[in-house]
Amino acid sequence: MIAWRPLEYAYPRPGSPEGDVIVVLGAGARDVDSVFSSGERLGSGSLERASAAALLGKKTGLPLLVTGGPVFTDIAEADAVGTYLEEL
């Protein structure tokens, strides 16, 4: 049996994040033509991860590394998340 559950809930949140870079895993993107904000192209998981990573990046000063290819659409998750992060 496969349980589909976001990774965020599988591990405890670190008290003080450490590292050289923040890796943002893709979690879905929508291939839509006309949007007001690029956030509309993100699945809910990708939007939550990108928003949390942006906040963590601001707090720590660490760069973000966004991952994710075109899984169920023609748009790569990394491209959609990257565009959203640039809008912030």
C-alpha atoms as a PDB file:
ATOM      1  CA  MET A   1       0.000   0.000   0.000  1.00  0.00           C
ATOM      2  CA  ILE A   2       1.281   3.452  -0.912  1.00  0.00           C
ATOM      3  CA  ALA A   3       0.358   6.350   1.334  1.00  0.00           C
ATOM      4  CA  TRP A   4       0.480   9.716  -0.420  1.00  0.00           C
ATOM      5  CA  ARG A   5       1.418  12.211   2.211  1.00  0.00           C
ATOM      6  CA  PRO A   6       3.560  15.339   1.957  1.00  0.00           C
ATOM      7  CA  LEU A   7       7.122  15.070   3.226  1.00  0.00           C
ATOM      8  CA  GLU A   8       6.632  18.091   5.473  1.00  0.00           C
ATOM      9  CA  TYR A   9       4.648  16.001   7.936  1.00  0.00           C
ATOM     10  CA  ALA A  10       7.015  13.019   7.987  1.00  0.00           C
ATOM     11  CA  TYR A  11       9.860  14.779   9.817  1.00  0.00           C
ATOM     12  CA  PRO A  12      10.109  17.144  12.783  1.00  0.00           C
ATOM     13  CA  ARG A  13      10.754  20.799  12.015  1.00  0.00           C
ATOM     14  CA  PRO A  14      14.346  21.777  12.880  1.00  0.00           C
ATOM     15  CA  GLY A  15      14.764  24.258  15.713  1.00  0.00           C
ATOM     16  CA  SER A  16      17.525  26.152  13.938  1.00  0.00           C
ATOM     17  CA  PRO A  17      17.947  25.343  10.238  1.00  0.00           C
ATOM     18  CA  GLU A  18      21.533  24.827   9.091  1.00  0.00           C
ATOM     19  CA  GLY A  19      23.089  24.327   5.693  1.00  0.00           C
ATOM     20  CA  ASP A  20      24.402  26.025   2.596  1.00  0.00           C
ATOM     21  CA  VAL A  21      21.223  26.103   0.509  1.00  0.00           C
ATOM     22  CA  ILE A  22      17.461  25.588   0.854  1.00  0.00           C
ATOM     23  CA  VAL A  23      16.200  22.880  -1.491  1.00  0.00           C
ATOM     24  CA  VAL A  24      12.576  23.301  -2.574  1.00  0.00           C
ATOM     25  CA  LEU A  25      11.014  20.085  -3.871  1.00  0.00           C
ATOM     26  CA  GLY A  26       8.275  20.450  -6.476  1.00  0.00           C
ATOM     27  CA  ALA A  27       4.797  19.266  -5.541  1.00  0.00           C
ATOM     28  CA  GLY A  28       2.695  19.915  -8.619  1.00  0.00           C
ATOM     29  CA  ALA A  29       2.033  22.581 -11.211  1.00  0.00           C
ATOM     30  CA  ARG A  30      -0.905  23.458 -13.455  1.00  0.00           C
ATOM     31  CA  ASP A  31      -0.549  24.203 -17.139  1.00  0.00           C
ATOM     32  CA  VAL A  32      -2.858  27.225 -17.467  1.00  0.00           C
ATOM     33  CA  ASP A  33      -2.593  29.970 -20.046  1.00  0.00           C
ATOM     34  CA  SER A  34      -3.675  33.223 -18.470  1.00  0.00           C
ATOM     35  CA  VAL A  35      -3.029  33.978 -14.798  1.00  0.00           C
ATOM     36  CA  PHE A  36      -2.815  37.124 -12.677  1.00  0.00           C
ATOM     37  CA  SER A  37      -0.113  35.681 -10.405  1.00  0.00           C
ATOM     38  CA  SER A  38       2.271  32.871 -11.218  1.00  0.00           C
ATOM     39  CA  GLY A  39       1.210  31.324  -7.910  1.00  0.00           C
ATOM     40  CA  GLU A  40      -1.966  30.244  -9.713  1.00  0.00           C
ATOM     41  CA  ARG A  41       0.143  27.789 -11.717  1.00  0.00           C
ATOM     42  CA  LEU A  42       1.288  26.001  -8.558  1.00  0.00           C
ATOM     43  CA  GLY A  43      -0.403  23.063  -6.918  1.00  0.00           C
ATOM     44  CA  SER A  44      -1.236  23.646  -3.257  1.00  0.00           C
ATOM     45  CA  GLY A  45       1.802  21.663  -2.088  1.00  0.00           C
ATOM     46  CA  SER A  46       4.172  23.608  -4.319  1.00  0.00           C
ATOM     47  CA  LEU A  47       2.670  26.908  -3.194  1.00  0.00           C
ATOM     48  CA  GLU A  48       3.073  26.001   0.486  1.00  0.00           C
ATOM     49  CA  ARG A  49       6.657  24.832  -0.021  1.00  0.00           C
ATOM     50  CA  ALA A  50       7.642  27.869  -2.086  1.00  0.00           C
ATOM     51  CA  SER A  51       6.117  30.296   0.405  1.00  0.00           C
ATOM     52  CA  ALA A  52       7.812  28.588   3.361  1.00  0.00           C
ATOM     53  CA  ALA A  53      11.145  28.484   1.505  1.00  0.00           C
ATOM     54  CA  ALA A  54      10.903  32.191   0.638  1.00  0.00           C
ATOM     55  CA  LEU A  55      10.310  33.049   4.295  1.00  0.00           C
ATOM     56  CA  LEU A  56      13.130  30.768   5.451  1.00  0.00           C
ATOM     57  CA  GLY A  57      15.430  32.233   2.813  1.00  0.00           C
ATOM     58  CA  LYS A  58      14.707  35.751   4.061  1.00  0.00           C
ATOM     59  CA  LYS A  59      15.345  34.733   7.669  1.00  0.00           C
ATOM     60  CA  THR A  60      18.571  32.829   7.004  1.00  0.00           C
ATOM     61  CA  GLY A  61      19.977  34.568   3.918  1.00  0.00           C
ATOM     62  CA  LEU A  62      20.458  31.166   2.268  1.00  0.00           C
ATOM     63  CA  PRO A  63      19.901  30.766  -1.491  1.00  0.00           C
ATOM     64  CA  LEU A  64      17.042  28.629  -2.818  1.00  0.00           C
ATOM     65  CA  LEU A  65      17.461  25.655  -5.146  1.00  0.00           C
ATOM     66  CA  VAL A  66      14.150  24.727  -6.801  1.00  0.00           C
ATOM     67  CA  THR A  67      13.571  21.257  -8.250  1.00  0.00           C
ATOM     68  CA  GLY A  68      10.862  19.500 -10.236  1.00  0.00           C
ATOM     69  CA  GLY A  69      10.221  18.603 -13.828  1.00  0.00           C
ATOM     70  CA  PRO A  70       7.083  18.381 -15.958  1.00  0.00           C
ATOM     71  CA  VAL A  71       5.186  15.509 -14.331  1.00  0.00           C
ATOM     72  CA  PHE A  72       1.518  15.728 -15.308  1.00  0.00           C
ATOM     73  CA  THR A  73       1.717  18.849 -17.508  1.00  0.00           C
ATOM     74  CA  ASP A  74       4.084  20.458 -19.995  1.00  0.00           C
ATOM     75  CA  ILE A  75       5.297  22.987 -17.436  1.00  0.00           C
ATOM     76  CA  ALA A  76       8.258  22.123 -15.191  1.00  0.00           C
ATOM     77  CA  GLU A  77       7.478  22.531 -11.501  1.00  0.00           C
ATOM     78  CA  ALA A  78      10.859  24.210 -10.934  1.00  0.00           C
ATOM     79  CA  ASP A  79      10.077  26.832 -13.584  1.00  0.00           C
ATOM     80  CA  ALA A  80       6.644  27.552 -12.111  1.00  0.00           C
ATOM     81  CA  VAL A  81       7.989  27.827  -8.557  1.00  0.00           C
ATOM     82  CA  GLY A  82      10.953  29.923  -9.690  1.00  0.00           C
ATOM     83  CA  THR A  83       8.680  32.390 -11.460  1.00  0.00           C
ATOM     84  CA  TYR A  84       6.486  32.626  -8.364  1.00  0.00           C
ATOM     85  CA  LEU A  85       9.495  33.271  -6.110  1.00  0.00           C
ATOM     86  CA  GLU A  86      10.733  36.010  -8.429  1.00  0.00           C
ATOM     87  CA  GLU A  87       7.338  37.747  -8.136  1.00  0.00           C
ATOM     88  CA  LEU A  88       7.530  37.934  -4.340  1.00  0.00           C
END
